[in-house]
Amino acid sequence: MKTNSFTLTTLSENPEYYESVVALIEKEFHYSSDLSYAKDFALLMDPLNFENCYLFVDSETNQVVSHLAVCPRVMVKSNEEIKVAFIGGIATVKEYRARDLFKGLMNHALLEHSRE
């Protein structure tokens, strides 16, 4: 889906953006060089979860500018299944903030996962 000058996609549709997504998150969260977001949040960044890694790409520069990942799970309590979703990897390039990109990703994720 294309919005203004941004394209909404997923890592399953565009796995070539994986390194850019990890770099964006690590930069915006000031990760030190001895840490790895992909390892710290392996469930979110697992290739089996790429369909739930939503990102906006600037259509002009082809740069990943915003990301949000969802990891749906089922928890069991007292023999009752409860659907939950872990959300993380939320980052937007500083120069692109205040453009409602996170809001767009969150609304899209909520819509996608409310169907489950």
N, C-alpha and C. Protein backbone atom coordinates (compact mmCIF):
# COMPACT_ATOMS: atom_id res chain seq x y z
N MET A 1 0.85 -1.18 0.00
CA MET A 1 0.00 0.00 0.00
C MET A 1 0.89 1.24 0.00
N LYS A 2 0.51 2.22 -0.79
CA LYS A 2 1.28 3.45 -0.89
C LYS A 2 0.51 4.59 -0.24
N THR A 3 1.19 5.38 0.61
CA THR A 3 0.56 6.52 1.28
C THR A 3 1.45 7.73 1.07
N ASN A 4 0.91 8.78 0.43
CA ASN A 4 1.71 9.97 0.12
C ASN A 4 3.01 9.54 -0.55
N SER A 5 4.13 9.80 0.11
CA SER A 5 5.40 9.40 -0.49
C SER A 5 6.01 8.21 0.24
N PHE A 6 5.16 7.42 0.92
CA PHE A 6 5.65 6.26 1.67
C PHE A 6 4.94 5.00 1.21
N THR A 7 5.67 3.91 1.19
CA THR A 7 5.10 2.62 0.86
C THR A 7 5.06 1.77 2.12
N LEU A 8 3.89 1.23 2.45
CA LEU A 8 3.72 0.32 3.58
C LEU A 8 3.96 -1.09 3.08
N THR A 9 4.86 -1.79 3.74
CA THR A 9 5.18 -3.15 3.32
C THR A 9 5.56 -3.97 4.55
N THR A 10 5.97 -5.19 4.34
CA THR A 10 6.43 -6.07 5.41
C THR A 10 7.78 -6.66 5.02
N LEU A 11 8.44 -7.22 6.02
CA LEU A 11 9.71 -7.89 5.71
C LEU A 11 9.47 -9.18 4.93
N SER A 12 8.29 -9.78 5.03
CA SER A 12 8.04 -10.97 4.21
C SER A 12 7.92 -10.58 2.73
N GLU A 13 7.35 -9.38 2.46
CA GLU A 13 7.26 -8.91 1.08
C GLU A 13 8.59 -8.37 0.57
N ASN A 14 9.40 -7.82 1.47
CA ASN A 14 10.67 -7.20 1.11
C ASN A 14 11.77 -7.55 2.11
N PRO A 15 12.21 -8.80 2.12
CA PRO A 15 13.23 -9.21 3.09
C PRO A 15 14.57 -8.49 2.90
N GLU A 16 14.76 -7.85 1.76
CA GLU A 16 16.01 -7.12 1.52
C GLU A 16 16.15 -5.92 2.46
N TYR A 17 15.07 -5.53 3.12
CA TYR A 17 15.14 -4.41 4.07
C TYR A 17 15.51 -4.84 5.50
N TYR A 18 15.72 -6.11 5.71
CA TYR A 18 16.00 -6.62 7.05
C TYR A 18 17.15 -5.87 7.73
N GLU A 19 18.28 -5.77 7.09
CA GLU A 19 19.45 -5.10 7.69
C GLU A 19 19.16 -3.63 7.96
N SER A 20 18.42 -2.99 7.07
CA SER A 20 18.07 -1.58 7.27
C SER A 20 17.16 -1.40 8.47
N VAL A 21 16.23 -2.33 8.66
CA VAL A 21 15.32 -2.28 9.81
C VAL A 21 16.12 -2.42 11.10
N VAL A 22 16.97 -3.42 11.16
CA VAL A 22 17.78 -3.64 12.37
C VAL A 22 18.67 -2.42 12.64
N ALA A 23 19.28 -1.88 11.60
CA ALA A 23 20.14 -0.70 11.76
C ALA A 23 19.33 0.50 12.26
N LEU A 24 18.12 0.70 11.74
CA LEU A 24 17.26 1.79 12.19
C LEU A 24 16.96 1.65 13.68
N ILE A 25 16.54 0.48 14.09
CA ILE A 25 16.18 0.26 15.50
C ILE A 25 17.38 0.44 16.40
N GLU A 26 18.50 -0.14 16.02
CA GLU A 26 19.71 -0.02 16.85
C GLU A 26 20.19 1.42 16.93
N LYS A 27 20.06 2.17 15.85
CA LYS A 27 20.47 3.58 15.88
C LYS A 27 19.55 4.39 16.78
N GLU A 28 18.25 4.24 16.60
CA GLU A 28 17.29 5.05 17.35
C GLU A 28 17.25 4.68 18.84
N PHE A 29 17.62 3.45 19.18
CA PHE A 29 17.66 3.04 20.58
C PHE A 29 19.07 3.07 21.15
N HIS A 30 20.00 3.64 20.40
CA HIS A 30 21.38 3.83 20.86
C HIS A 30 22.03 2.53 21.34
N TYR A 31 21.86 1.47 20.54
CA TYR A 31 22.47 0.19 20.86
C TYR A 31 23.99 0.32 20.81
N SER A 32 24.66 -0.27 21.76
CA SER A 32 26.12 -0.30 21.70
C SER A 32 26.52 -1.40 20.72
N SER A 33 27.73 -1.33 20.24
CA SER A 33 28.18 -2.26 19.20
C SER A 33 28.26 -3.71 19.68
N ASP A 34 28.27 -3.94 20.98
CA ASP A 34 28.34 -5.31 21.49
C ASP A 34 26.96 -5.94 21.69
N LEU A 35 25.88 -5.22 21.36
CA LEU A 35 24.54 -5.75 21.49
C LEU A 35 23.89 -5.88 20.11
N SER A 36 22.84 -6.69 20.05
CA SER A 36 22.14 -6.91 18.79
C SER A 36 20.64 -6.97 19.02
N TYR A 37 19.92 -6.05 18.40
CA TYR A 37 18.46 -6.06 18.52
C TYR A 37 17.90 -7.38 17.99
N ALA A 38 18.43 -7.86 16.88
CA ALA A 38 17.93 -9.09 16.27
C ALA A 38 18.06 -10.27 17.22
N LYS A 39 19.10 -10.29 18.04
CA LYS A 39 19.26 -11.36 19.03
C LYS A 39 18.40 -11.10 20.26
N ASP A 40 18.37 -9.85 20.73
CA ASP A 40 17.60 -9.52 21.92
C ASP A 40 16.10 -9.77 21.72
N PHE A 41 15.62 -9.54 20.52
CA PHE A 41 14.21 -9.69 20.22
C PHE A 41 14.02 -10.68 19.06
N ALA A 42 14.61 -11.84 19.23
CA ALA A 42 14.64 -12.85 18.18
C ALA A 42 13.23 -13.27 17.72
N LEU A 43 12.28 -13.34 18.64
CA LEU A 43 10.92 -13.73 18.23
C LEU A 43 10.31 -12.73 17.26
N LEU A 44 10.56 -11.45 17.49
CA LEU A 44 10.01 -10.43 16.60
C LEU A 44 10.69 -10.45 15.23
N MET A 45 12.00 -10.68 15.24
CA MET A 45 12.77 -10.56 14.00
C MET A 45 13.05 -11.89 13.30
N ASP A 46 12.44 -12.96 13.78
CA ASP A 46 12.59 -14.27 13.16
C ASP A 46 11.97 -14.24 11.77
N PRO A 47 12.63 -14.83 10.77
CA PRO A 47 12.04 -14.85 9.43
C PRO A 47 10.62 -15.42 9.39
N LEU A 48 10.29 -16.31 10.33
CA LEU A 48 8.93 -16.84 10.39
C LEU A 48 7.91 -15.79 10.83
N ASN A 49 8.39 -14.65 11.34
CA ASN A 49 7.51 -13.57 11.77
C ASN A 49 7.59 -12.35 10.85
N PHE A 50 8.31 -12.47 9.75
CA PHE A 50 8.48 -11.33 8.85
C PHE A 50 7.16 -10.76 8.35
N GLU A 51 6.12 -11.58 8.25
CA GLU A 51 4.82 -11.08 7.78
C GLU A 51 4.21 -10.09 8.78
N ASN A 52 4.73 -10.08 10.01
CA ASN A 52 4.24 -9.19 11.06
C ASN A 52 5.22 -8.06 11.37
N CYS A 53 6.21 -7.88 10.53
CA CYS A 53 7.16 -6.76 10.66
C CYS A 53 6.78 -5.72 9.61
N TYR A 54 6.09 -4.69 10.07
CA TYR A 54 5.54 -3.66 9.19
C TYR A 54 6.50 -2.49 9.10
N LEU A 55 6.65 -1.95 7.90
CA LEU A 55 7.55 -0.82 7.74
C LEU A 55 7.06 0.13 6.66
N PHE A 56 7.45 1.39 6.84
CA PHE A 56 7.24 2.39 5.82
C PHE A 56 8.58 2.65 5.16
N VAL A 57 8.56 2.71 3.84
CA VAL A 57 9.74 3.01 3.04
C VAL A 57 9.46 4.31 2.29
N ASP A 58 10.39 5.24 2.36
CA ASP A 58 10.28 6.49 1.61
C ASP A 58 10.36 6.13 0.13
N SER A 59 9.32 6.43 -0.61
CA SER A 59 9.24 6.05 -2.03
C SER A 59 10.28 6.74 -2.90
N GLU A 60 10.74 7.91 -2.48
CA GLU A 60 11.73 8.64 -3.27
C GLU A 60 13.15 8.16 -3.01
N THR A 61 13.47 7.91 -1.72
CA THR A 61 14.85 7.53 -1.37
C THR A 61 15.04 6.03 -1.19
N ASN A 62 13.92 5.27 -1.15
CA ASN A 62 13.96 3.84 -0.91
C ASN A 62 14.55 3.50 0.47
N GLN A 63 14.44 4.44 1.41
CA GLN A 63 14.97 4.27 2.77
C GLN A 63 13.85 3.81 3.71
N VAL A 64 14.17 2.81 4.57
CA VAL A 64 13.24 2.41 5.62
C VAL A 64 13.19 3.56 6.62
N VAL A 65 11.99 4.09 6.87
CA VAL A 65 11.87 5.25 7.76
C VAL A 65 11.08 4.97 9.02
N SER A 66 10.35 3.87 9.07
CA SER A 66 9.59 3.55 10.27
C SER A 66 9.31 2.05 10.29
N HIS A 67 9.27 1.48 11.51
CA HIS A 67 9.08 0.04 11.67
C HIS A 67 8.31 -0.26 12.95
N LEU A 68 7.51 -1.31 12.90
CA LEU A 68 6.80 -1.84 14.06
C LEU A 68 6.62 -3.33 13.83
N ALA A 69 6.93 -4.14 14.83
CA ALA A 69 6.77 -5.59 14.71
C ALA A 69 5.76 -6.08 15.74
N VAL A 70 5.00 -7.09 15.33
CA VAL A 70 4.01 -7.73 16.19
C VAL A 70 4.34 -9.22 16.22
N CYS A 71 4.27 -9.82 17.40
CA CYS A 71 4.49 -11.26 17.51
C CYS A 71 3.28 -11.87 18.19
N PRO A 72 2.32 -12.40 17.41
CA PRO A 72 1.12 -12.98 18.01
C PRO A 72 1.44 -14.31 18.69
N ARG A 73 0.82 -14.52 19.83
CA ARG A 73 1.02 -15.75 20.59
C ARG A 73 -0.30 -16.13 21.26
N VAL A 74 -0.37 -17.35 21.71
CA VAL A 74 -1.51 -17.82 22.50
C VAL A 74 -0.96 -18.22 23.85
N MET A 75 -1.52 -17.64 24.91
CA MET A 75 -1.13 -17.99 26.27
C MET A 75 -2.27 -18.82 26.86
N VAL A 76 -1.91 -19.71 27.78
CA VAL A 76 -2.91 -20.55 28.41
C VAL A 76 -2.90 -20.28 29.90
N LYS A 77 -4.10 -20.01 30.44
CA LYS A 77 -4.26 -19.80 31.87
C LYS A 77 -5.53 -20.54 32.30
N SER A 78 -5.37 -21.42 33.25
CA SER A 78 -6.52 -22.21 33.73
C SER A 78 -7.23 -22.91 32.58
N ASN A 79 -6.46 -23.53 31.72
CA ASN A 79 -6.97 -24.25 30.55
C ASN A 79 -7.74 -23.37 29.57
N GLU A 80 -7.57 -22.07 29.66
CA GLU A 80 -8.22 -21.15 28.74
C GLU A 80 -7.17 -20.49 27.87
N GLU A 81 -7.39 -20.48 26.57
CA GLU A 81 -6.46 -19.85 25.64
C GLU A 81 -6.77 -18.36 25.52
N ILE A 82 -5.72 -17.56 25.58
CA ILE A 82 -5.85 -16.12 25.47
C ILE A 82 -4.91 -15.66 24.36
N LYS A 83 -5.47 -15.00 23.36
CA LYS A 83 -4.63 -14.47 22.28
C LYS A 83 -3.99 -13.18 22.75
N VAL A 84 -2.66 -13.08 22.57
CA VAL A 84 -1.92 -11.88 22.93
C VAL A 84 -1.01 -11.51 21.76
N ALA A 85 -0.48 -10.32 21.83
CA ALA A 85 0.47 -9.88 20.80
C ALA A 85 1.57 -9.08 21.48
N PHE A 86 2.79 -9.47 21.25
CA PHE A 86 3.93 -8.70 21.71
C PHE A 86 4.26 -7.70 20.61
N ILE A 87 4.49 -6.46 21.01
CA ILE A 87 4.79 -5.41 20.05
C ILE A 87 6.15 -4.82 20.38
N GLY A 88 6.97 -4.62 19.38
CA GLY A 88 8.30 -4.06 19.62
C GLY A 88 8.93 -3.59 18.32
N GLY A 89 10.18 -3.23 18.42
CA GLY A 89 10.89 -2.75 17.24
C GLY A 89 10.29 -1.49 16.69
N ILE A 90 9.73 -0.68 17.59
CA ILE A 90 9.07 0.56 17.17
C ILE A 90 10.12 1.65 17.02
N ALA A 91 10.31 2.10 15.80
CA ALA A 91 11.31 3.13 15.55
C ALA A 91 10.95 3.91 14.30
N THR A 92 11.23 5.20 14.35
CA THR A 92 11.06 6.07 13.19
C THR A 92 12.29 6.97 13.09
N VAL A 93 12.82 7.10 11.90
CA VAL A 93 13.95 7.99 11.67
C VAL A 93 13.58 9.38 12.17
N LYS A 94 14.49 10.00 12.91
CA LYS A 94 14.21 11.28 13.57
C LYS A 94 13.63 12.32 12.61
N GLU A 95 14.19 12.45 11.43
CA GLU A 95 13.75 13.46 10.46
C GLU A 95 12.34 13.17 9.92
N TYR A 96 11.81 12.00 10.15
CA TYR A 96 10.50 11.62 9.63
C TYR A 96 9.43 11.58 10.72
N ARG A 97 9.79 11.95 11.93
CA ARG A 97 8.81 11.94 13.02
C ARG A 97 7.79 13.05 12.82
N ALA A 98 6.69 12.96 13.54
CA ALA A 98 5.58 13.93 13.47
C ALA A 98 4.87 13.89 12.12
N ARG A 99 4.94 12.75 11.44
CA ARG A 99 4.22 12.57 10.16
C ARG A 99 3.18 11.45 10.28
N ASP A 100 2.91 11.02 11.50
CA ASP A 100 1.94 9.97 11.78
C ASP A 100 2.32 8.61 11.19
N LEU A 101 3.60 8.37 10.99
CA LEU A 101 4.03 7.08 10.46
C LEU A 101 3.79 5.96 11.47
N PHE A 102 4.15 6.20 12.74
CA PHE A 102 3.90 5.18 13.76
C PHE A 102 2.39 4.91 13.86
N LYS A 103 1.61 5.96 13.86
CA LYS A 103 0.15 5.82 13.94
C LYS A 103 -0.36 4.95 12.77
N GLY A 104 0.17 5.19 11.60
CA GLY A 104 -0.22 4.40 10.44
C GLY A 104 0.15 2.93 10.58
N LEU A 105 1.36 2.68 11.10
CA LEU A 105 1.79 1.29 11.30
C LEU A 105 0.95 0.61 12.37
N MET A 106 0.70 1.31 13.48
CA MET A 106 -0.09 0.72 14.56
C MET A 106 -1.52 0.45 14.11
N ASN A 107 -2.13 1.40 13.41
CA ASN A 107 -3.49 1.18 12.92
C ASN A 107 -3.54 0.00 11.95
N HIS A 108 -2.54 -0.10 11.10
CA HIS A 108 -2.48 -1.22 10.15
C HIS A 108 -2.32 -2.54 10.90
N ALA A 109 -1.43 -2.58 11.88
CA ALA A 109 -1.21 -3.80 12.67
C ALA A 109 -2.48 -4.18 13.43
N LEU A 110 -3.15 -3.21 14.02
CA LEU A 110 -4.40 -3.50 14.74
C LEU A 110 -5.46 -4.07 13.81
N LEU A 111 -5.56 -3.49 12.63
CA LEU A 111 -6.52 -3.98 11.65
C LEU A 111 -6.18 -5.41 11.23
N GLU A 112 -4.92 -5.64 10.91
CA GLU A 112 -4.49 -6.98 10.48
C GLU A 112 -4.73 -8.04 11.55
N HIS A 113 -4.45 -7.70 12.79
CA HIS A 113 -4.51 -8.70 13.86
C HIS A 113 -5.86 -8.76 14.56
N SER A 114 -6.74 -7.84 14.27
CA SER A 114 -8.09 -7.93 14.84
C SER A 114 -8.92 -8.98 14.10
N ARG A 115 -8.45 -9.38 12.95
CA ARG A 115 -9.14 -10.40 12.15
C ARG A 115 -8.88 -11.80 12.67
N GLU A 116 -7.89 -11.95 13.52
CA GLU A 116 -7.50 -13.29 13.99
C GLU A 116 -8.36 -13.75 15.13
